[in-house]
Amino acid sequence: MKKEFKVAGMSCQKCVDKIEKFVGEIDGVELIEVDLTKKIVNVQFEFPANEKMISDAILDAGFEIIS
């Protein structure tokens, strides 16, 4: 599966690295693409990962998801 998250609060490469670290620790996450200028995080994943686990990881990293 692939899911796009709109994320507020990203401003630099350190933010990108932090999101990649938190989301990357989830079992089942295959690919993370962070577009800093568009404030978008694309995640490709399979079971056991799910959208809630990924959004929780982004929130735990200190960022906000825009719906």
N, C-alpha and C. Protein backbone atom coordinates (compact mmCIF):
# COMPACT_ATOMS: atom_id res chain seq x y z
N MET A 1 0.84 -1.18 0.00
CA MET A 1 0.00 0.00 0.00
C MET A 1 0.88 1.24 0.00
N LYS A 2 0.30 2.32 -0.48
CA LYS A 2 1.00 3.59 -0.46
C LYS A 2 0.05 4.65 0.08
N LYS A 3 0.55 5.50 0.96
CA LYS A 3 -0.28 6.53 1.58
C LYS A 3 0.50 7.84 1.62
N GLU A 4 -0.20 8.93 1.32
CA GLU A 4 0.38 10.26 1.39
C GLU A 4 -0.13 10.97 2.63
N PHE A 5 0.79 11.53 3.41
CA PHE A 5 0.45 12.30 4.60
C PHE A 5 0.91 13.74 4.39
N LYS A 6 0.02 14.70 4.66
CA LYS A 6 0.40 16.11 4.66
C LYS A 6 0.84 16.45 6.08
N VAL A 7 2.06 16.95 6.20
CA VAL A 7 2.66 17.12 7.52
C VAL A 7 3.07 18.57 7.74
N ALA A 8 2.64 19.14 8.86
CA ALA A 8 3.02 20.50 9.23
C ALA A 8 4.18 20.44 10.22
N GLY A 9 5.02 21.47 10.15
CA GLY A 9 6.10 21.59 11.12
C GLY A 9 7.47 21.22 10.58
N MET A 10 7.53 20.68 9.36
CA MET A 10 8.83 20.33 8.78
C MET A 10 9.46 21.60 8.21
N SER A 11 10.72 21.84 8.56
CA SER A 11 11.36 23.05 8.06
C SER A 11 12.79 22.84 7.58
N CYS A 12 13.37 21.66 7.83
CA CYS A 12 14.77 21.47 7.47
C CYS A 12 15.08 19.98 7.28
N GLN A 13 16.30 19.69 6.87
CA GLN A 13 16.71 18.31 6.65
C GLN A 13 16.68 17.50 7.94
N LYS A 14 16.93 18.15 9.06
CA LYS A 14 16.87 17.44 10.35
C LYS A 14 15.45 16.92 10.61
N CYS A 15 14.44 17.69 10.22
CA CYS A 15 13.04 17.26 10.34
C CYS A 15 12.79 16.03 9.47
N VAL A 16 13.30 16.07 8.24
CA VAL A 16 13.16 14.95 7.32
C VAL A 16 13.79 13.70 7.92
N ASP A 17 15.00 13.84 8.44
CA ASP A 17 15.71 12.72 9.04
C ASP A 17 14.94 12.13 10.22
N LYS A 18 14.34 13.00 11.02
CA LYS A 18 13.59 12.54 12.19
C LYS A 18 12.36 11.75 11.78
N ILE A 19 11.63 12.23 10.79
CA ILE A 19 10.45 11.52 10.30
C ILE A 19 10.86 10.17 9.71
N GLU A 20 11.93 10.18 8.91
CA GLU A 20 12.40 8.93 8.32
C GLU A 20 12.80 7.93 9.40
N LYS A 21 13.41 8.40 10.48
CA LYS A 21 13.83 7.52 11.57
C LYS A 21 12.61 6.92 12.28
N PHE A 22 11.66 7.76 12.68
CA PHE A 22 10.49 7.28 13.43
C PHE A 22 9.63 6.35 12.59
N VAL A 23 9.33 6.74 11.36
CA VAL A 23 8.49 5.91 10.50
C VAL A 23 9.24 4.65 10.06
N GLY A 24 10.53 4.80 9.82
CA GLY A 24 11.35 3.67 9.37
C GLY A 24 11.48 2.55 10.39
N GLU A 25 11.20 2.84 11.65
CA GLU A 25 11.29 1.82 12.69
C GLU A 25 10.08 0.88 12.71
N ILE A 26 9.06 1.21 11.94
CA ILE A 26 7.84 0.40 11.90
C ILE A 26 8.05 -0.81 10.99
N ASP A 27 7.78 -1.98 11.52
CA ASP A 27 7.91 -3.20 10.74
C ASP A 27 6.88 -3.20 9.62
N GLY A 28 7.34 -3.39 8.39
CA GLY A 28 6.45 -3.40 7.24
C GLY A 28 6.58 -2.17 6.36
N VAL A 29 7.25 -1.13 6.85
CA VAL A 29 7.47 0.06 6.04
C VAL A 29 8.58 -0.24 5.04
N GLU A 30 8.27 -0.03 3.76
CA GLU A 30 9.21 -0.37 2.69
C GLU A 30 9.92 0.85 2.12
N LEU A 31 9.23 1.99 2.06
CA LEU A 31 9.80 3.17 1.43
C LEU A 31 9.20 4.43 2.05
N ILE A 32 10.05 5.42 2.31
CA ILE A 32 9.60 6.70 2.85
C ILE A 32 10.17 7.79 1.95
N GLU A 33 9.29 8.63 1.41
CA GLU A 33 9.71 9.76 0.58
C GLU A 33 9.17 11.03 1.22
N VAL A 34 10.06 11.91 1.64
CA VAL A 34 9.66 13.15 2.28
C VAL A 34 9.95 14.31 1.32
N ASP A 35 8.91 15.08 1.00
CA ASP A 35 9.06 16.27 0.16
C ASP A 35 8.92 17.47 1.07
N LEU A 36 10.05 18.05 1.43
CA LEU A 36 10.08 19.16 2.39
C LEU A 36 9.36 20.39 1.87
N THR A 37 9.51 20.69 0.58
CA THR A 37 8.88 21.90 0.04
C THR A 37 7.36 21.79 -0.03
N LYS A 38 6.85 20.59 -0.33
CA LYS A 38 5.40 20.39 -0.41
C LYS A 38 4.80 19.95 0.91
N LYS A 39 5.67 19.67 1.91
CA LYS A 39 5.22 19.21 3.24
C LYS A 39 4.42 17.91 3.14
N ILE A 40 4.94 16.99 2.32
CA ILE A 40 4.27 15.70 2.09
C ILE A 40 5.22 14.56 2.43
N VAL A 41 4.66 13.54 3.07
CA VAL A 41 5.40 12.31 3.35
C VAL A 41 4.64 11.16 2.68
N ASN A 42 5.28 10.50 1.74
CA ASN A 42 4.71 9.33 1.08
C ASN A 42 5.35 8.09 1.69
N VAL A 43 4.52 7.15 2.08
CA VAL A 43 5.02 5.93 2.71
C VAL A 43 4.43 4.72 1.98
N GLN A 44 5.32 3.83 1.59
CA GLN A 44 4.89 2.56 1.01
C GLN A 44 5.10 1.50 2.09
N PHE A 45 4.05 0.71 2.33
CA PHE A 45 4.11 -0.24 3.44
C PHE A 45 3.26 -1.47 3.16
N GLU A 46 3.50 -2.49 3.95
CA GLU A 46 2.69 -3.71 3.91
C GLU A 46 2.47 -4.17 5.34
N PHE A 47 1.62 -5.18 5.52
CA PHE A 47 1.34 -5.71 6.84
C PHE A 47 2.65 -6.13 7.50
N PRO A 48 2.88 -5.85 8.77
CA PRO A 48 1.92 -5.44 9.79
C PRO A 48 1.73 -3.92 9.93
N ALA A 49 2.46 -3.11 9.15
CA ALA A 49 2.30 -1.66 9.25
C ALA A 49 0.91 -1.25 8.77
N ASN A 50 0.39 -0.15 9.35
CA ASN A 50 -0.88 0.40 8.88
C ASN A 50 -0.84 1.92 9.00
N GLU A 51 -1.85 2.59 8.46
CA GLU A 51 -1.88 4.05 8.42
C GLU A 51 -1.82 4.66 9.82
N LYS A 52 -2.51 4.07 10.78
CA LYS A 52 -2.52 4.61 12.13
C LYS A 52 -1.14 4.53 12.76
N MET A 53 -0.44 3.43 12.57
CA MET A 53 0.91 3.29 13.11
C MET A 53 1.84 4.36 12.53
N ILE A 54 1.70 4.61 11.24
CA ILE A 54 2.55 5.60 10.57
C ILE A 54 2.20 7.01 11.04
N SER A 55 0.92 7.34 11.11
CA SER A 55 0.54 8.68 11.57
C SER A 55 0.94 8.89 13.02
N ASP A 56 0.82 7.84 13.85
CA ASP A 56 1.26 7.95 15.24
C ASP A 56 2.77 8.20 15.32
N ALA A 57 3.54 7.57 14.46
CA ALA A 57 5.00 7.77 14.45
C ALA A 57 5.34 9.20 14.05
N ILE A 58 4.61 9.76 13.10
CA ILE A 58 4.85 11.15 12.67
C ILE A 58 4.52 12.09 13.83
N LEU A 59 3.40 11.83 14.52
CA LEU A 59 3.02 12.64 15.68
C LEU A 59 4.05 12.50 16.81
N ASP A 60 4.52 11.28 17.05
CA ASP A 60 5.53 11.04 18.09
C ASP A 60 6.84 11.76 17.77
N ALA A 61 7.13 11.95 16.48
CA ALA A 61 8.34 12.66 16.08
C ALA A 61 8.21 14.16 16.31
N GLY A 62 6.99 14.62 16.64
CA GLY A 62 6.80 16.03 16.96
C GLY A 62 6.17 16.86 15.85
N PHE A 63 5.56 16.19 14.89
CA PHE A 63 4.95 16.91 13.77
C PHE A 63 3.44 16.72 13.78
N GLU A 64 2.77 17.52 12.97
CA GLU A 64 1.30 17.49 12.92
C GLU A 64 0.86 17.03 11.55
N ILE A 65 -0.17 16.20 11.52
CA ILE A 65 -0.72 15.75 10.24
C ILE A 65 -1.91 16.63 9.90
N ILE A 66 -1.89 17.15 8.68
CA ILE A 66 -2.96 18.02 8.20
C ILE A 66 -3.95 17.17 7.41
N SER A 67 -5.22 17.27 7.76
CA SER A 67 -6.21 16.46 7.02
C SER A 67 -6.83 17.23 5.88
